[in-house]
């Protein structure tokens, strides 16, 4: 029983890390974008995705990828503050 609890705690920790580091990346991306007035590359989200997958495994890595894709679609790809399916290179970056 103690071993299963430890395994559950590690999984929960992985998902918590995935959510936290993706949220920090979104905040940094918003701060950089508003400060410089330019659109920095979406490469900033690769580090949280890699860190989540390394620490937590496949599930947290996929969660971080999904959260980053949703946040990018909502905050950074025009029309902003909406969920849309834009065509072009911005959405193709997540597939490649």
PDB file of N, CA and C in Angstrom:
ATOM      1  N   UNK A   1       0.823  -1.203   0.000  1.00  0.00           N
ATOM      2  CA  UNK A   1       0.000   0.000   0.000  1.00  0.00           C
ATOM      3  C   UNK A   1       0.859   1.256   0.000  1.00  0.00           C
ATOM      4  N   UNK A   2       1.932   1.239   0.787  1.00  0.00           N
ATOM      5  CA  UNK A   2       2.808   2.403   0.835  1.00  0.00           C
ATOM      6  C   UNK A   2       3.478   2.665  -0.499  1.00  0.00           C
ATOM      7  N   UNK A   3       3.831   1.595  -1.220  1.00  0.00           N
ATOM      8  CA  UNK A   3       4.467   1.752  -2.518  1.00  0.00           C
ATOM      9  C   UNK A   3       3.502   2.350  -3.543  1.00  0.00           C
ATOM     10  N   UNK A   4       2.235   1.941  -3.509  1.00  0.00           N
ATOM     11  CA  UNK A   4       1.237   2.483  -4.427  1.00  0.00           C
ATOM     12  C   UNK A   4       0.984   3.966  -4.144  1.00  0.00           C
ATOM     13  N   UNK A   5       0.997   4.349  -2.888  1.00  0.00           N
ATOM     14  CA  UNK A   5       0.804   5.748  -2.532  1.00  0.00           C
ATOM     15  C   UNK A   5       1.962   6.580  -3.054  1.00  0.00           C
ATOM     16  N   UNK A   6       3.161   6.064  -2.945  1.00  0.00           N
ATOM     17  CA  UNK A   6       4.326   6.779  -3.453  1.00  0.00           C
ATOM     18  C   UNK A   6       4.222   6.950  -4.968  1.00  0.00           C
ATOM     19  N   UNK A   7       3.797   5.904  -5.667  1.00  0.00           N
ATOM     20  CA  UNK A   7       3.622   5.982  -7.117  1.00  0.00           C
ATOM     21  C   UNK A   7       2.558   7.017  -7.474  1.00  0.00           C
ATOM     22  N   UNK A   8       1.456   7.041  -6.726  1.00  0.00           N
ATOM     23  CA  UNK A   8       0.393   8.013  -6.976  1.00  0.00           C
ATOM     24  C   UNK A   8       0.901   9.428  -6.726  1.00  0.00           C
ATOM     25  N   UNK A   9       1.674   9.608  -5.667  1.00  0.00           N
ATOM     26  CA  UNK A   9       2.220  10.935  -5.361  1.00  0.00           C
ATOM     27  C   UNK A   9       3.162  11.409  -6.464  1.00  0.00           C
ATOM     28  N   UNK A  10       3.972  10.505  -7.009  1.00  0.00           N
ATOM     29  CA  UNK A  10       4.857  10.888  -8.111  1.00  0.00           C
ATOM     30  C   UNK A  10       4.059  11.293  -9.338  1.00  0.00           C
ATOM     31  N   UNK A  11       3.001  10.561  -9.641  1.00  0.00           N
ATOM     32  CA  UNK A  11       2.166  10.931 -10.789  1.00  0.00           C
ATOM     33  C   UNK A  11       1.510  12.284 -10.578  1.00  0.00           C
ATOM     34  N   UNK A  12       0.950  12.501  -9.405  1.00  0.00           N
ATOM     35  CA  UNK A  12       0.309  13.780  -9.106  1.00  0.00           C
ATOM     36  C   UNK A  12       1.326  14.909  -9.178  1.00  0.00           C
ATOM     37  N   UNK A  13       2.520  14.664  -8.679  1.00  0.00           N
ATOM     38  CA  UNK A  13       3.579  15.670  -8.752  1.00  0.00           C
ATOM     39  C   UNK A  13       3.957  15.985 -10.189  1.00  0.00           C
ATOM     40  N   UNK A  14       3.997  14.979 -11.041  1.00  0.00           N
ATOM     41  CA  UNK A  14       4.306  15.196 -12.457  1.00  0.00           C
ATOM     42  C   UNK A  14       3.258  16.066 -13.138  1.00  0.00           C
ATOM     43  N   UNK A  15       1.991  15.799 -12.851  1.00  0.00           N
ATOM     44  CA  UNK A  15       0.923  16.617 -13.436  1.00  0.00           C
ATOM     45  C   UNK A  15       0.931  18.036 -12.871  1.00  0.00           C
ATOM     46  N   UNK A  16       1.253  18.182 -11.589  1.00  0.00           N
ATOM     47  CA  UNK A  16       1.351  19.519 -10.991  1.00  0.00           C
ATOM     48  C   UNK A  16       2.487  20.307 -11.629  1.00  0.00           C
ATOM     49  N   UNK A  17       3.621  19.648 -11.841  1.00  0.00           N
ATOM     50  CA  UNK A  17       4.755  20.312 -12.487  1.00  0.00           C
ATOM     51  C   UNK A  17       4.396  20.704 -13.916  1.00  0.00           C
ATOM     52  N   UNK A  18       3.716  19.829 -14.629  1.00  0.00           N
ATOM     53  CA  UNK A  18       3.315  20.126 -16.010  1.00  0.00           C
ATOM     54  C   UNK A  18       2.437  21.361 -16.066  1.00  0.00           C
ATOM     55  N   UNK A  19       1.479  21.442 -15.163  1.00  0.00           N
ATOM     56  CA  UNK A  19       0.577  22.589 -15.141  1.00  0.00           C
ATOM     57  C   UNK A  19       1.318  23.861 -14.749  1.00  0.00           C
ATOM     58  N   UNK A  20       2.176  23.766 -13.735  1.00  0.00           N
ATOM     59  CA  UNK A  20       2.886  24.950 -13.235  1.00  0.00           C
ATOM     60  C   UNK A  20       3.870  25.503 -14.259  1.00  0.00           C
ATOM     61  N   UNK A  21       4.708  24.649 -14.832  1.00  0.00           N
ATOM     62  CA  UNK A  21       5.720  25.170 -15.755  1.00  0.00           C
ATOM     63  C   UNK A  21       5.095  25.681 -17.049  1.00  0.00           C
ATOM     64  N   UNK A  22       3.995  25.086 -17.478  1.00  0.00           N
ATOM     65  CA  UNK A  22       3.305  25.600 -18.656  1.00  0.00           C
ATOM     66  C   UNK A  22       2.679  26.956 -18.345  1.00  0.00           C
ATOM     67  N   UNK A  23       2.117  27.100 -17.158  1.00  0.00           N
ATOM     68  CA  UNK A  23       1.570  28.398 -16.748  1.00  0.00           C
ATOM     69  C   UNK A  23       2.639  29.479 -16.662  1.00  0.00           C
ATOM     70  N   UNK A  24       3.801  29.121 -16.154  1.00  0.00           N
ATOM     71  CA  UNK A  24       4.910  30.082 -16.090  1.00  0.00           C
ATOM     72  C   UNK A  24       5.347  30.481 -17.496  1.00  0.00           C
ATOM     73  N   UNK A  25       5.419  29.518 -18.405  1.00  0.00           N
ATOM     74  CA  UNK A  25       5.805  29.819 -19.787  1.00  0.00           C
ATOM     75  C   UNK A  25       4.792  30.740 -20.464  1.00  0.00           C
ATOM     76  N   UNK A  26       3.501  30.512 -20.212  1.00  0.00           N
ATOM     77  CA  UNK A  26       2.477  31.393 -20.774  1.00  0.00           C
ATOM     78  C   UNK A  26       2.644  32.802 -20.213  1.00  0.00           C
ATOM     79  N   UNK A  27       2.862  32.906 -18.905  1.00  0.00           N
ATOM     80  CA  UNK A  27       3.070  34.218 -18.293  1.00  0.00           C
ATOM     81  C   UNK A  27       4.295  34.932 -18.851  1.00  0.00           C
ATOM     82  N   UNK A  28       5.395  34.193 -19.016  1.00  0.00           N
ATOM     83  CA  UNK A  28       6.591  34.796 -19.600  1.00  0.00           C
ATOM     84  C   UNK A  28       6.354  35.234 -21.034  1.00  0.00           C
ATOM     85  N   UNK A  29       5.659  34.405 -21.779  1.00  0.00           N
ATOM     86  CA  UNK A  29       5.372  34.741 -23.173  1.00  0.00           C
ATOM     87  C   UNK A  29       4.489  35.973 -23.275  1.00  0.00           C
ATOM     88  N   UNK A  30       3.511  36.086 -22.380  1.00  0.00           N
ATOM     89  CA  UNK A  30       2.670  37.288 -22.363  1.00  0.00           C
ATOM     90  C   UNK A  30       3.484  38.514 -21.984  1.00  0.00           C
ATOM     91  N   UNK A  31       4.357  38.387 -20.984  1.00  0.00           N
ATOM     92  CA  UNK A  31       5.170  39.517 -20.537  1.00  0.00           C
ATOM     93  C   UNK A  31       6.144  39.962 -21.628  1.00  0.00           C
ATOM     94  N   UNK A  32       6.775  39.024 -22.286  1.00  0.00           N
ATOM     95  CA  UNK A  32       7.731  39.364 -23.339  1.00  0.00           C
ATOM     96  C   UNK A  32       7.026  39.995 -24.526  1.00  0.00           C
ATOM     97  N   UNK A  33       5.883  39.455 -24.887  1.00  0.00           N
ATOM     98  CA  UNK A  33       5.142  39.984 -26.024  1.00  0.00           C
ATOM     99  C   UNK A  33       4.658  41.399 -25.793  1.00  0.00           C
ATOM    100  N   UNK A  34       4.160  41.682 -24.601  1.00  0.00           N
ATOM    101  CA  UNK A  34       3.663  43.021 -24.319  1.00  0.00           C
ATOM    102  C   UNK A  34       4.804  44.003 -24.117  1.00  0.00           C
ATOM    103  N   UNK A  35       5.912  43.539 -23.589  1.00  0.00           N
ATOM    104  CA  UNK A  35       7.038  44.428 -23.326  1.00  0.00           C
ATOM    105  C   UNK A  35       7.728  44.846 -24.610  1.00  0.00           C
ATOM    106  N   UNK A  36       7.946  43.903 -25.520  1.00  0.00           N
ATOM    107  CA  UNK A  36       8.669  44.214 -26.746  1.00  0.00           C
ATOM    108  C   UNK A  36       7.755  44.641 -27.879  1.00  0.00           C
ATOM    109  N   UNK A  37       6.480  44.287 -27.778  1.00  0.00           N
ATOM    110  CA  UNK A  37       5.563  44.619 -28.852  1.00  0.00           C
ATOM    111  C   UNK A  37       5.714  43.710 -30.050  1.00  0.00           C
ATOM    112  N   UNK A  38       6.513  42.665 -29.920  1.00  0.00           N
ATOM    113  CA  UNK A  38       6.723  41.727 -31.013  1.00  0.00           C
ATOM    114  C   UNK A  38       6.167  40.377 -30.619  1.00  0.00           C
ATOM    115  N   UNK A  39       6.082  39.508 -31.580  1.00  0.00           N
ATOM    116  CA  UNK A  39       5.612  38.152 -31.326  1.00  0.00           C
ATOM    117  C   UNK A  39       6.806  37.215 -31.259  1.00  0.00           C
ATOM    118  N   UNK A  40       7.293  36.874 -30.066  1.00  0.00           N
ATOM    119  CA  UNK A  40       8.392  35.914 -29.977  1.00  0.00           C
ATOM    120  C   UNK A  40       7.950  34.540 -30.471  1.00  0.00           C
ATOM    121  N   UNK A  41       8.912  33.731 -30.823  1.00  0.00           N
ATOM    122  CA  UNK A  41       8.615  32.395 -31.338  1.00  0.00           C
ATOM    123  C   UNK A  41       7.956  31.534 -30.271  1.00  0.00           C
ATOM    124  N   UNK A  42       7.250  30.533 -30.706  1.00  0.00           N
ATOM    125  CA  UNK A  42       6.582  29.611 -29.789  1.00  0.00           C
ATOM    126  C   UNK A  42       7.545  28.591 -29.199  1.00  0.00           C
ATOM    127  N   UNK A  43       8.824  28.718 -29.507  1.00  0.00           N
ATOM    128  CA  UNK A  43       9.826  27.795 -29.002  1.00  0.00           C
ATOM    129  C   UNK A  43       9.915  27.848 -27.474  1.00  0.00           C
ATOM    130  N   UNK A  44       9.435  28.919 -26.857  1.00  0.00           N
ATOM    131  CA  UNK A  44       9.455  29.063 -25.402  1.00  0.00           C
ATOM    132  C   UNK A  44       8.684  27.931 -24.722  1.00  0.00           C
ATOM    133  N   UNK A  45       7.740  27.322 -25.407  1.00  0.00           N
ATOM    134  CA  UNK A  45       6.931  26.262 -24.805  1.00  0.00           C
ATOM    135  C   UNK A  45       7.591  24.886 -24.872  1.00  0.00           C
ATOM    136  N   UNK A  46       8.686  24.766 -25.591  1.00  0.00           N
ATOM    137  CA  UNK A  46       9.347  23.466 -25.700  1.00  0.00           C
ATOM    138  C   UNK A  46       9.949  23.054 -24.366  1.00  0.00           C
ATOM    139  N   UNK A  47      10.565  23.985 -23.655  1.00  0.00           N
ATOM    140  CA  UNK A  47      11.200  23.665 -22.369  1.00  0.00           C
ATOM    141  C   UNK A  47      10.207  23.111 -21.342  1.00  0.00           C
ATOM    142  N   UNK A  48       9.041  23.741 -21.122  1.00  0.00           N
ATOM    143  CA  UNK A  48       8.095  23.146 -20.175  1.00  0.00           C
ATOM    144  C   UNK A  48       7.592  21.774 -20.613  1.00  0.00           C
ATOM    145  N   UNK A  49       7.419  21.577 -21.903  1.00  0.00           N
ATOM    146  CA  UNK A  49       6.951  20.278 -22.388  1.00  0.00           C
ATOM    147  C   UNK A  49       8.013  19.216 -22.126  1.00  0.00           C
ATOM    148  N   UNK A  50       9.268  19.527 -22.441  1.00  0.00           N
ATOM    149  CA  UNK A  50      10.355  18.576 -22.199  1.00  0.00           C
ATOM    150  C   UNK A  50      10.537  18.296 -20.715  1.00  0.00           C
ATOM    151  N   UNK A  51      10.496  19.334 -19.899  1.00  0.00           N
ATOM    152  CA  UNK A  51      10.661  19.164 -18.453  1.00  0.00           C
ATOM    153  C   UNK A  51       9.536  18.316 -17.874  1.00  0.00           C
ATOM    154  N   UNK A  52       8.319  18.557 -18.301  1.00  0.00           N
ATOM    155  CA  UNK A  52       7.173  17.781 -17.814  1.00  0.00           C
ATOM    156  C   UNK A  52       7.295  16.322 -18.195  1.00  0.00           C
ATOM    157  N   UNK A  53       7.697  16.069 -19.426  1.00  0.00           N
ATOM    158  CA  UNK A  53       7.842  14.682 -19.878  1.00  0.00           C
ATOM    159  C   UNK A  53       8.997  13.996 -19.173  1.00  0.00           C
ATOM    160  N   UNK A  54      10.072  14.716 -18.917  1.00  0.00           N
ATOM    161  CA  UNK A  54      11.235  14.125 -18.255  1.00  0.00           C
ATOM    162  C   UNK A  54      10.919  13.773 -16.801  1.00  0.00           C
ATOM    163  N   UNK A  55      10.281  14.692 -16.094  1.00  0.00           N
ATOM    164  CA  UNK A  55       9.992  14.478 -14.676  1.00  0.00           C
ATOM    165  C   UNK A  55       8.818  13.534 -14.477  1.00  0.00           C
ATOM    166  N   UNK A  56       7.737  13.720 -15.231  1.00  0.00           N
ATOM    167  CA  UNK A  56       6.512  12.974 -14.964  1.00  0.00           C
ATOM    168  C   UNK A  56       6.196  11.846 -15.912  1.00  0.00           C
ATOM    169  N   UNK A  57       6.835  11.828 -17.074  1.00  0.00           N
ATOM    170  CA  UNK A  57       6.544  10.778 -18.037  1.00  0.00           C
ATOM    171  C   UNK A  57       5.610  11.248 -19.135  1.00  0.00           C
ATOM    172  N   UNK A  58       5.008  10.285 -19.809  1.00  0.00           N
ATOM    173  CA  UNK A  58       4.191  10.555 -20.982  1.00  0.00           C
ATOM    174  C   UNK A  58       2.954  11.404 -20.661  1.00  0.00           C
ATOM    175  N   UNK A  59       2.220  11.050 -19.627  1.00  0.00           N
ATOM    176  CA  UNK A  59       0.977  11.764 -19.300  1.00  0.00           C
ATOM    177  C   UNK A  59       1.193  13.243 -19.027  1.00  0.00           C
ATOM    178  N   UNK A  60       2.094  13.616 -18.097  1.00  0.00           N
ATOM    179  CA  UNK A  60       2.358  15.032 -17.874  1.00  0.00           C
ATOM    180  C   UNK A  60       2.921  15.741 -19.104  1.00  0.00           C
ATOM    181  N   UNK A  61       3.727  15.046 -19.912  1.00  0.00           N
ATOM    182  CA  UNK A  61       4.231  15.651 -21.144  1.00  0.00           C
ATOM    183  C   UNK A  61       3.107  15.976 -22.111  1.00  0.00           C
ATOM    184  N   UNK A  62       2.153  15.058 -22.239  1.00  0.00           N
ATOM    185  CA  UNK A  62       1.001  15.309 -23.109  1.00  0.00           C
ATOM    186  C   UNK A  62       0.107  16.409 -22.549  1.00  0.00           C
ATOM    187  N   UNK A  63      -0.058  16.439 -21.226  1.00  0.00           N
ATOM    188  CA  UNK A  63      -0.851  17.514 -20.612  1.00  0.00           C
ATOM    189  C   UNK A  63      -0.208  18.869 -20.875  1.00  0.00           C
ATOM    190  N   UNK A  64       1.098  18.957 -20.699  1.00  0.00           N
ATOM    191  CA  UNK A  64       1.801  20.210 -20.949  1.00  0.00           C
ATOM    192  C   UNK A  64       1.674  20.630 -22.407  1.00  0.00           C
ATOM    193  N   UNK A  65       1.755  19.681 -23.323  1.00  0.00           N
ATOM    194  CA  UNK A  65       1.597  19.981 -24.745  1.00  0.00           C
ATOM    195  C   UNK A  65       0.198  20.510 -25.039  1.00  0.00           C
ATOM    196  N   UNK A  66      -0.819  19.857 -24.470  1.00  0.00           N
ATOM    197  CA  UNK A  66      -2.203  20.291 -24.692  1.00  0.00           C
ATOM    198  C   UNK A  66      -2.455  21.673 -24.101  1.00  0.00           C
ATOM    199  N   UNK A  67      -1.956  21.911 -22.890  1.00  0.00           N
ATOM    200  CA  UNK A  67      -2.146  23.227 -22.269  1.00  0.00           C
ATOM    201  C   UNK A  67      -1.439  24.322 -23.056  1.00  0.00           C
ATOM    202  N   UNK A  68      -0.230  24.035 -23.524  1.00  0.00           N
ATOM    203  CA  UNK A  68       0.508  25.021 -24.314  1.00  0.00           C
ATOM    204  C   UNK A  68      -0.207  25.314 -25.628  1.00  0.00           C
ATOM    205  N   UNK A  69      -0.736  24.276 -26.273  1.00  0.00           N
ATOM    206  CA  UNK A  69      -1.455  24.475 -27.536  1.00  0.00           C
ATOM    207  C   UNK A  69      -2.727  25.291 -27.321  1.00  0.00           C
ATOM    208  N   UNK A  70      -3.472  24.993 -26.256  1.00  0.00           N
ATOM    209  CA  UNK A  70      -4.691  25.758 -25.969  1.00  0.00           C
ATOM    210  C   UNK A  70      -4.378  27.212 -25.625  1.00  0.00           C
ATOM    211  N   UNK A  71      -3.368  27.419 -24.791  1.00  0.00           N
ATOM    212  CA  UNK A  71      -2.996  28.789 -24.414  1.00  0.00           C
ATOM    213  C   UNK A  71      -2.506  29.571 -25.624  1.00  0.00           C
ATOM    214  N   UNK A  72      -1.730  28.920 -26.473  1.00  0.00           N
ATOM    215  CA  UNK A  72      -1.228  29.588 -27.677  1.00  0.00           C
ATOM    216  C   UNK A  72      -2.373  29.972 -28.591  1.00  0.00           C
ATOM    217  N   UNK A  73      -3.300  29.052 -28.775  1.00  0.00           N
ATOM    218  CA  UNK A  73      -4.446  29.334 -29.634  1.00  0.00           C
ATOM    219  C   UNK A  73      -5.298  30.464 -29.063  1.00  0.00           C
ATOM    220  N   UNK A  74      -5.448  30.504 -27.747  1.00  0.00           N
ATOM    221  CA  UNK A  74      -6.321  31.508 -27.136  1.00  0.00           C
ATOM    222  C   UNK A  74      -5.658  32.880 -27.040  1.00  0.00           C
ATOM    223  N   UNK A  75      -4.386  32.928 -26.624  1.00  0.00           N
ATOM    224  CA  UNK A  75      -3.748  34.205 -26.326  1.00  0.00           C
ATOM    225  C   UNK A  75      -2.924  34.796 -27.469  1.00  0.00           C
ATOM    226  N   UNK A  76      -2.331  33.972 -28.311  1.00  0.00           N
ATOM    227  CA  UNK A  76      -1.293  34.487 -29.188  1.00  0.00           C
ATOM    228  C   UNK A  76      -1.596  34.430 -30.676  1.00  0.00           C
ATOM    229  N   UNK A  77      -2.505  33.593 -31.105  1.00  0.00           N
ATOM    230  CA  UNK A  77      -2.803  33.488 -32.526  1.00  0.00           C
ATOM    231  C   UNK A  77      -4.065  34.292 -32.816  1.00  0.00           C
ATOM    232  N   UNK A  78      -3.983  35.249 -33.749  1.00  0.00           N
ATOM    233  CA  UNK A  78      -5.158  36.070 -34.051  1.00  0.00           C
ATOM    234  C   UNK A  78      -6.291  35.222 -34.620  1.00  0.00           C
ATOM    235  N   UNK A  79      -7.525  35.535 -34.371  1.00  0.00           N
ATOM    236  CA  UNK A  79      -8.033  36.553 -33.466  1.00  0.00           C
ATOM    237  C   UNK A  79      -7.820  36.144 -32.010  1.00  0.00           C
ATOM    238  N   UNK A  80      -7.263  37.036 -31.229  1.00  0.00           N
ATOM    239  CA  UNK A  80      -6.896  36.743 -29.841  1.00  0.00           C
ATOM    240  C   UNK A  80      -8.132  36.642 -28.953  1.00  0.00           C
ATOM    241  N   UNK A  81      -7.939  35.948 -27.841  1.00  0.00           N
ATOM    242  CA  UNK A  81      -8.969  35.722 -26.826  1.00  0.00           C
ATOM    243  C   UNK A  81     -10.178  34.969 -27.375  1.00  0.00           C
ATOM    244  N   UNK A  82      -9.928  34.139 -28.368  1.00  0.00           N
ATOM    245  CA  UNK A  82     -10.938  33.233 -28.888  1.00  0.00           C
ATOM    246  C   UNK A  82     -10.252  31.917 -29.242  1.00  0.00           C
ATOM    247  N   UNK A  83     -11.011  30.877 -29.266  1.00  0.00           N
ATOM    248  CA  UNK A  83     -10.494  29.602 -29.744  1.00  0.00           C
ATOM    249  C   UNK A  83     -10.908  29.462 -31.198  1.00  0.00           C
ATOM    250  N   UNK A  84      -9.934  29.463 -32.088  1.00  0.00           N
ATOM    251  CA  UNK A  84     -10.221  29.321 -33.506  1.00  0.00           C
ATOM    252  C   UNK A  84      -9.260  28.297 -34.093  1.00  0.00           C
ATOM    253  N   UNK A  85      -9.518  27.892 -35.288  1.00  0.00           N
ATOM    254  CA  UNK A  85      -8.643  26.955 -35.989  1.00  0.00           C
ATOM    255  C   UNK A  85      -7.993  27.684 -37.160  1.00  0.00           C
ATOM    256  N   UNK A  86      -6.889  28.394 -36.890  1.00  0.00           N
ATOM    257  CA  UNK A  86      -6.259  29.147 -37.976  1.00  0.00           C
ATOM    258  C   UNK A  86      -5.487  28.230 -38.912  1.00  0.00           C
ATOM    259  N   UNK A  87      -5.386  28.649 -40.130  1.00  0.00           N
ATOM    260  CA  UNK A  87      -4.578  27.913 -41.101  1.00  0.00           C
ATOM    261  C   UNK A  87      -3.221  28.599 -41.187  1.00  0.00           C
ATOM    262  N   UNK A  88      -2.221  27.836 -41.485  1.00  0.00           N
ATOM    263  CA  UNK A  88      -0.911  28.442 -41.656  1.00  0.00           C
ATOM    264  C   UNK A  88       0.130  27.826 -40.760  1.00  0.00           C
ATOM    265  N   UNK A  89       1.263  28.487 -40.693  1.00  0.00           N
ATOM    266  CA  UNK A  89       2.410  27.940 -40.000  1.00  0.00           C
ATOM    267  C   UNK A  89       2.265  27.943 -38.480  1.00  0.00           C
ATOM    268  N   UNK A  90       1.509  28.869 -37.909  1.00  0.00           N
ATOM    269  CA  UNK A  90       1.381  28.906 -36.452  1.00  0.00           C
ATOM    270  C   UNK A  90       0.802  27.609 -35.908  1.00  0.00           C
ATOM    271  N   UNK A  91      -0.220  27.077 -36.533  1.00  0.00           N
ATOM    272  CA  UNK A  91      -0.800  25.832 -36.054  1.00  0.00           C
ATOM    273  C   UNK A  91       0.000  24.623 -36.517  1.00  0.00           C
ATOM    274  N   UNK A  92       0.735  24.747 -37.607  1.00  0.00           N
ATOM    275  CA  UNK A  92       1.533  23.619 -38.098  1.00  0.00           C
ATOM    276  C   UNK A  92       2.742  23.362 -37.198  1.00  0.00           C
ATOM    277  N   UNK A  93       3.171  24.337 -36.413  1.00  0.00           N
ATOM    278  CA  UNK A  93       4.314  24.145 -35.522  1.00  0.00           C
ATOM    279  C   UNK A  93       4.030  23.055 -34.494  1.00  0.00           C
ATOM    280  N   UNK A  94       2.793  22.908 -34.082  1.00  0.00           N
ATOM    281  CA  UNK A  94       2.469  21.907 -33.061  1.00  0.00           C
ATOM    282  C   UNK A  94       2.427  20.496 -33.635  1.00  0.00           C
ATOM    283  N   UNK A  95       2.246  20.362 -34.928  1.00  0.00           N
ATOM    284  CA  UNK A  95       2.189  19.047 -35.555  1.00  0.00           C
ATOM    285  C   UNK A  95       3.576  18.523 -35.854  1.00  0.00           C
ATOM    286  N   UNK A  96       4.458  19.410 -36.271  1.00  0.00           N
ATOM    287  CA  UNK A  96       5.818  19.011 -36.679  1.00  0.00           C
ATOM    288  C   UNK A  96       6.687  18.588 -35.570  1.00  0.00           C
TER     289      UNK A  96
END
